Amino acid sequence: MNAKELRAKGADGMKKELMELLRAQFSLRMQLSTQQTNKTHELRKVRRDIARVRTLMSEASAQAGN
């Protein structure tokens, strides 16, 4: 997912996406801790997507404040 797609979703869409990513991150962490998966690269992707969504959300709130 890229920033352009996230900006098109709007604030509500970004909040929903963030919640889905946080659930996915939790699930991946649990799978790794119980050694049910060896896809450690997925955790990195999800973590970066979370950061991307949060960055865009803060940009949007900063623009709304101006």
Protein backbone atom coordinates (compact mmCIF):
# COMPACT_ATOMS: atom_id res chain seq x y z
CA MET A 1 0.00 0.00 0.00
CA ASN A 2 1.32 3.42 -0.83
CA ALA A 3 0.62 6.91 0.45
CA LYS A 4 -1.44 7.88 -2.59
CA GLU A 5 -3.93 5.07 -1.96
CA LEU A 6 -4.21 5.99 1.72
CA ARG A 7 -4.82 9.67 1.01
CA ALA A 8 -7.67 8.70 -1.30
CA LYS A 9 -9.39 6.78 1.52
CA GLY A 10 -9.91 9.78 3.78
CA ALA A 11 -9.79 9.97 7.58
CA ASP A 12 -12.31 7.19 8.28
CA GLY A 13 -10.68 4.85 5.81
CA MET A 14 -7.27 5.47 7.34
CA LYS A 15 -8.59 4.74 10.83
CA LYS A 16 -10.08 1.45 9.65
CA GLU A 17 -6.86 0.55 7.86
CA LEU A 18 -4.85 1.34 10.99
CA MET A 19 -7.02 -0.92 13.11
CA GLU A 20 -6.67 -3.77 10.60
CA LEU A 21 -2.90 -3.34 10.52
CA LEU A 22 -2.66 -3.32 14.31
CA ARG A 23 -4.65 -6.56 14.45
CA ALA A 24 -2.40 -8.08 11.80
CA GLN A 25 0.68 -7.01 13.74
CA PHE A 26 -0.64 -8.61 16.91
CA SER A 27 -1.46 -11.80 15.07
CA LEU A 28 1.99 -11.96 13.50
CA ARG A 29 3.69 -11.35 16.84
CA MET A 30 1.73 -14.18 18.42
CA GLN A 31 2.55 -16.52 15.55
CA LEU A 32 6.24 -15.69 15.83
CA SER A 33 6.31 -16.16 19.58
CA THR A 34 4.66 -19.57 19.33
CA GLN A 35 6.87 -20.48 16.36
CA GLN A 36 3.92 -21.10 14.05
CA THR A 37 5.43 -19.06 11.22
CA ASN A 38 8.79 -18.13 9.86
CA LYS A 39 7.65 -15.12 7.80
CA THR A 40 9.50 -12.49 9.77
CA HIS A 41 9.46 -10.14 6.78
CA GLU A 42 5.68 -9.76 7.10
CA LEU A 43 6.07 -8.15 10.51
CA ARG A 44 8.41 -5.55 9.04
CA LYS A 45 5.97 -4.74 6.23
CA VAL A 46 3.06 -4.34 8.63
CA ARG A 47 5.11 -2.17 10.98
CA ARG A 48 6.07 0.14 8.13
CA ASP A 49 2.49 0.33 6.88
CA ILE A 50 1.36 1.32 10.39
CA ALA A 51 3.95 4.08 10.45
CA ARG A 52 2.85 5.24 7.01
CA VAL A 53 -0.80 5.46 8.06
CA ARG A 54 0.02 7.28 11.29
CA THR A 55 2.21 9.76 9.41
CA LEU A 56 -0.54 10.56 6.94
CA MET A 57 -3.07 10.90 9.74
CA SER A 58 -0.85 13.40 11.54
CA GLU A 59 -0.27 15.32 8.29
CA ALA A 60 -3.99 15.53 7.74
CA SER A 61 -4.63 16.79 11.28
CA ALA A 62 -1.85 19.38 10.92
CA GLN A 63 -3.36 20.65 7.68
CA ALA A 64 -6.80 20.83 9.26
CA GLY A 65 -5.36 22.89 12.11
CA ASN A 66 -3.93 25.53 9.76
